[in-house]
Protein backbone atom coordinates (compact mmCIF):
# COMPACT_ATOMS: atom_id res chain seq x y z
CA MET A 1 1.93 48.05 -59.04
CA GLU A 2 1.32 49.15 -55.51
CA ASN A 3 1.66 52.77 -54.42
CA VAL A 4 5.24 53.61 -53.49
CA SER A 5 7.10 56.77 -52.56
CA ILE A 6 9.02 58.78 -55.12
CA ASP A 7 12.12 58.26 -52.96
CA GLN A 8 11.78 54.47 -53.22
CA ILE A 9 11.51 54.61 -57.01
CA MET A 10 14.52 56.94 -57.21
CA ASN A 11 16.56 54.64 -54.96
CA ASP A 12 15.68 51.66 -57.16
CA LEU A 13 16.77 53.57 -60.27
CA GLN A 14 20.03 54.68 -58.64
CA GLU A 15 20.94 51.08 -57.78
CA SER A 16 20.96 50.27 -61.50
CA PHE A 17 23.31 53.12 -62.54
CA ARG A 18 26.59 51.19 -62.48
CA PRO A 19 25.29 48.03 -64.21
CA LEU A 20 23.68 50.11 -66.98
CA MET A 21 26.76 52.30 -67.42
CA ASP A 22 28.99 49.25 -67.71
CA LYS A 23 26.67 47.28 -70.02
CA TYR A 24 25.97 50.12 -72.48
CA ASP A 25 29.16 52.19 -72.08
CA ILE A 26 27.13 55.22 -70.92
CA ASP A 27 29.09 58.40 -70.15
CA ASP A 28 26.79 59.67 -67.39
CA ILE A 29 23.45 58.71 -65.86
CA GLY A 30 21.11 60.29 -63.33
CA THR A 31 17.47 60.25 -62.32
CA PHE A 32 14.71 62.11 -64.15
CA GLU A 33 11.38 63.19 -62.72
CA GLU A 34 8.74 65.48 -64.12
CA GLU A 35 5.30 66.30 -62.81
CA GLY A 36 2.73 66.44 -65.59
CA GLN A 37 -0.83 67.70 -65.65
CA ASP A 38 -3.45 66.36 -63.27
CA GLN A 39 -2.11 63.25 -61.54
CA HIS A 40 0.50 62.34 -64.17
CA TYR A 41 4.13 61.95 -63.12
CA TYR A 42 7.13 60.74 -65.12
CA VAL A 43 10.16 59.05 -63.58
CA GLY A 44 13.24 57.54 -65.15
CA TYR A 45 16.80 58.30 -66.22
CA THR A 46 18.73 61.14 -67.78
CA VAL A 47 21.48 59.52 -69.85
CA ARG A 48 24.44 61.06 -71.67
CA LYS A 49 26.40 59.16 -74.29
CA ASP A 50 28.56 60.38 -77.17
CA GLY A 51 27.49 63.99 -76.64
CA ARG A 52 23.75 63.24 -76.76
CA VAL A 53 21.36 63.51 -73.82
CA TYR A 54 18.31 61.27 -73.44
CA MET A 55 15.46 61.43 -70.92
CA VAL A 56 14.09 57.91 -70.56
CA HIS A 57 10.99 57.58 -68.41
CA MET A 58 7.83 55.67 -67.52
CA PRO A 59 4.41 57.15 -66.71
CA PHE A 60 3.09 57.06 -63.16
CA THR A 61 -0.05 58.27 -61.43
CA LYS A 62 0.37 60.31 -58.26
CA ASN A 63 -2.21 59.90 -55.49
CA ALA A 64 -3.35 62.42 -52.86
CA ASP A 65 -0.65 61.16 -50.45
CA GLY A 66 2.09 61.87 -53.00
CA GLN A 67 2.76 58.21 -53.70
CA LEU A 68 3.11 56.84 -57.21
CA SER A 69 1.72 53.83 -59.04
CA LEU A 70 2.87 52.70 -62.46
CA ALA A 71 0.37 53.78 -65.13
CA ARG A 72 1.86 51.61 -67.93
CA GLN A 73 4.88 49.34 -68.22
CA GLU A 74 6.21 51.38 -71.14
CA TRP A 75 9.43 53.38 -71.46
CA THR A 76 9.51 56.60 -73.52
CA VAL A 77 12.63 58.35 -74.84
CA GLU A 78 13.01 62.11 -75.29
CA THR A 79 16.20 63.82 -76.46
CA ASP A 80 17.74 67.23 -75.91
CA ASP A 81 17.12 68.00 -79.61
CA PRO A 82 13.68 69.64 -80.03
CA THR A 83 13.48 68.41 -83.64
CA ASP A 84 13.61 64.75 -82.56
CA GLU A 85 10.33 62.92 -82.04
CA ASP A 86 9.77 61.04 -78.80
CA LEU A 87 10.15 57.28 -79.06
CA GLY A 88 7.76 55.12 -77.05
CA GLY A 89 6.52 51.63 -76.48
CA PHE A 90 9.66 50.04 -75.06
CA PRO A 91 8.78 47.24 -72.61
CA THR A 92 12.13 47.26 -70.77
CA ILE A 93 15.04 49.60 -70.15
CA ASP A 94 17.28 47.13 -71.99
CA ALA A 95 15.03 47.43 -75.06
CA VAL A 96 15.48 51.22 -74.91
CA PHE A 97 19.27 51.11 -74.74
CA GLU A 98 19.59 48.34 -77.33
CA HIS A 99 17.58 50.53 -79.73
CA LEU A 100 19.50 53.72 -78.96
CA PHE A 101 23.01 52.33 -78.77
CA LYS A 102 23.07 49.46 -81.29
C-alpha cells in the first residue's frame, strides 16, 4: 500500500459506516486511531452492539511525514472488557463482523 494521510484513511472508513451498520445491525460506529510505540499506528472502527464495545483495527507504519502505510492486511479486535483476549488474523472487516455477530 502506498503512503496515505490519516485523514484519507479516516474518510474511507467513514464512508463505510452506513453499509456496515445496515448489514450487521450495529448500534453505533465511529473511527478508532491509536499511536503505538516507534512507528506503529492502529486505525479502524469503534463499534457498539448489544451493549458491547469493540475496537477493530489494522496495523500501519507511520513515516516521518506523518503518512501511513499498511503494515499487514489483518484486522484485530479488542473489547472494552479487560478480561477478554484480543482476536486477530481476520483478512476482511466482513470476516470480523461475521465472527462477532453470528
